[in-house]
Amino acid sequence: MAPRSSKVLRETDIKRRYSVPTGFLSSLPSFNGGHAVDFQAVDGSGRVWPFRCSVRKNGHPKPVISKGWRAFVGSKGLKVGDKVRFYKKKNEAGAKKHAYEIRAEKEIKIFGAVFGYAPII
């Protein structure tokens, strides 16, 4: 299962909101002409996280996840340089409610150089 969104976190992502790559919008439920959509994602421990993705009403959409994001960041102890990936799960019967999976990964540095990432459950 390939990630629909994968991003190394920046300061704004940690302190305020997650700036979503525009390509992720096509993976989300329909906005139905509005500027926000609520969805849920489940993490590796089975915890369900409610999120809201919003876009600008005019011009470039500049999507962001704000609602629920800071609680997720705090719970996982995320910092600048860590990575978050969103996956869209296969559409199985009855699985519609939690159609997304979120994975957080801690940055691993050796002698100041990024060596890789380790999953955070």
Protein backbone atom coordinates (compact mmCIF):
# COMPACT_ATOMS: atom_id res chain seq x y z
CA MET A 1 0.00 0.00 0.00
CA ALA A 2 1.65 3.21 -1.18
CA PRO A 3 1.29 6.37 0.92
CA ARG A 4 -1.12 9.04 -0.37
CA SER A 5 0.87 11.66 1.52
CA SER A 6 4.38 11.47 2.98
CA LYS A 7 6.07 14.48 4.49
CA VAL A 8 9.03 15.43 6.66
CA LEU A 9 7.58 17.76 9.28
CA ARG A 10 8.51 21.43 9.49
CA GLU A 11 8.02 23.86 12.37
CA THR A 12 4.58 24.99 11.15
CA ASP A 13 3.49 21.35 10.91
CA ILE A 14 4.46 20.81 14.54
CA LYS A 15 3.19 24.04 16.10
CA ARG A 16 0.09 24.90 14.08
CA ARG A 17 -1.23 22.66 11.31
CA TYR A 18 -0.18 20.05 8.79
CA SER A 19 0.22 21.53 5.32
CA VAL A 20 -1.12 18.80 3.08
CA PRO A 21 0.44 18.11 -0.31
CA THR A 22 -2.24 19.07 -2.88
CA GLY A 23 -2.17 15.58 -4.42
CA PHE A 24 -3.66 14.19 -1.19
CA LEU A 25 -6.97 15.97 -1.85
CA SER A 26 -8.03 13.38 -4.43
CA SER A 27 -7.78 10.69 -1.71
CA LEU A 28 -10.17 12.44 0.67
CA PRO A 29 -13.97 12.23 0.79
CA SER A 30 -15.76 14.80 -1.35
CA PHE A 31 -15.83 18.38 -0.11
CA ASN A 32 -19.32 18.67 -1.68
CA GLY A 33 -18.70 22.26 -2.73
CA GLY A 34 -17.55 23.26 0.77
CA HIS A 35 -14.11 24.19 2.00
CA ALA A 36 -13.64 21.50 4.69
CA VAL A 37 -14.08 17.77 5.10
CA ASP A 38 -13.84 15.60 8.22
CA PHE A 39 -12.23 12.17 8.11
CA GLN A 40 -10.73 9.66 10.51
CA ALA A 41 -7.41 7.85 10.39
CA VAL A 42 -6.28 4.92 12.51
CA ASP A 43 -2.71 4.63 13.79
CA GLY A 44 -0.56 1.54 14.39
CA SER A 45 -1.95 1.04 17.90
CA GLY A 46 -5.54 1.07 16.64
CA ARG A 47 -6.35 4.54 17.97
CA VAL A 48 -8.73 6.50 15.76
CA TRP A 49 -7.83 10.13 15.09
CA PRO A 50 -10.50 12.59 13.86
CA PHE A 51 -9.12 15.18 11.44
CA ARG A 52 -10.47 18.05 9.36
CA CYS A 53 -8.89 19.07 6.08
CA SER A 54 -9.70 22.56 4.82
CA VAL A 55 -8.90 24.45 1.67
CA ARG A 56 -9.06 28.11 0.73
CA LYS A 57 -12.36 29.27 -0.69
CA ASN A 58 -10.67 31.07 -3.60
CA GLY A 59 -7.48 30.62 -5.61
CA HIS A 60 -4.91 27.92 -4.89
CA PRO A 61 -6.49 25.42 -2.46
CA LYS A 62 -3.48 25.23 -0.03
CA PRO A 63 -4.94 22.31 1.95
CA VAL A 64 -4.23 21.99 5.68
CA ILE A 65 -5.23 19.61 8.46
CA SER A 66 -5.97 21.55 11.61
CA LYS A 67 -8.67 19.88 13.71
CA GLY A 68 -7.18 16.95 15.60
CA TRP A 69 -3.67 17.51 14.27
CA ARG A 70 -2.06 19.07 17.37
CA ALA A 71 -3.45 16.28 19.58
CA PHE A 72 -1.82 13.72 17.27
CA VAL A 73 1.52 15.59 17.28
CA GLY A 74 1.50 15.83 21.08
CA SER A 75 0.51 12.21 21.61
CA LYS A 76 3.30 10.94 19.36
CA GLY A 77 5.90 13.45 20.60
CA LEU A 78 6.63 14.55 17.04
CA LYS A 79 9.38 17.06 16.29
CA VAL A 80 10.72 18.92 13.29
CA GLY A 81 12.38 16.39 10.97
CA ASP A 82 10.07 13.49 11.86
CA LYS A 83 7.89 12.04 9.12
CA VAL A 84 4.16 11.42 8.75
CA ARG A 85 2.51 9.25 6.13
CA PHE A 86 -1.18 8.92 5.29
CA TYR A 87 -2.43 5.79 3.56
CA LYS A 88 -5.83 5.08 2.06
CA LYS A 89 -6.91 1.59 3.04
CA LYS A 90 -8.54 -0.81 0.60
CA ASN A 91 -12.28 -0.31 0.42
CA GLU A 92 -13.48 -3.40 2.27
CA ALA A 93 -17.08 -3.98 3.31
CA GLY A 94 -17.72 -2.10 6.54
CA ALA A 95 -14.28 -0.41 6.51
CA LYS A 96 -15.52 2.91 5.15
CA LYS A 97 -15.43 4.74 8.51
CA HIS A 98 -11.68 4.37 9.02
CA ALA A 99 -10.58 4.32 5.41
CA TYR A 100 -7.27 6.03 6.25
CA GLU A 101 -4.18 4.98 8.18
CA ILE A 102 -1.65 7.40 9.64
CA ARG A 103 1.93 6.45 10.45
CA ALA A 104 4.44 8.58 12.33
CA GLU A 105 8.18 8.00 12.09
CA LYS A 106 10.93 9.39 14.30
CA GLU A 107 14.00 10.80 12.58
CA ILE A 108 17.17 8.84 13.39
CA LYS A 109 20.44 10.78 13.25
CA ILE A 110 23.96 9.47 13.51
CA PHE A 111 26.70 12.06 13.96
CA GLY A 112 24.21 14.75 12.90
CA ALA A 113 23.25 13.09 9.61
CA VAL A 114 19.79 11.62 9.02
CA PHE A 115 20.26 7.87 8.91
CA GLY A 116 16.62 6.88 8.51
CA TYR A 117 13.27 6.77 10.27
CA ALA A 118 11.81 4.48 12.93
CA PRO A 119 8.07 3.86 13.33
CA ILE A 120 6.25 5.39 16.29
CA ILE A 121 3.38 3.25 17.51
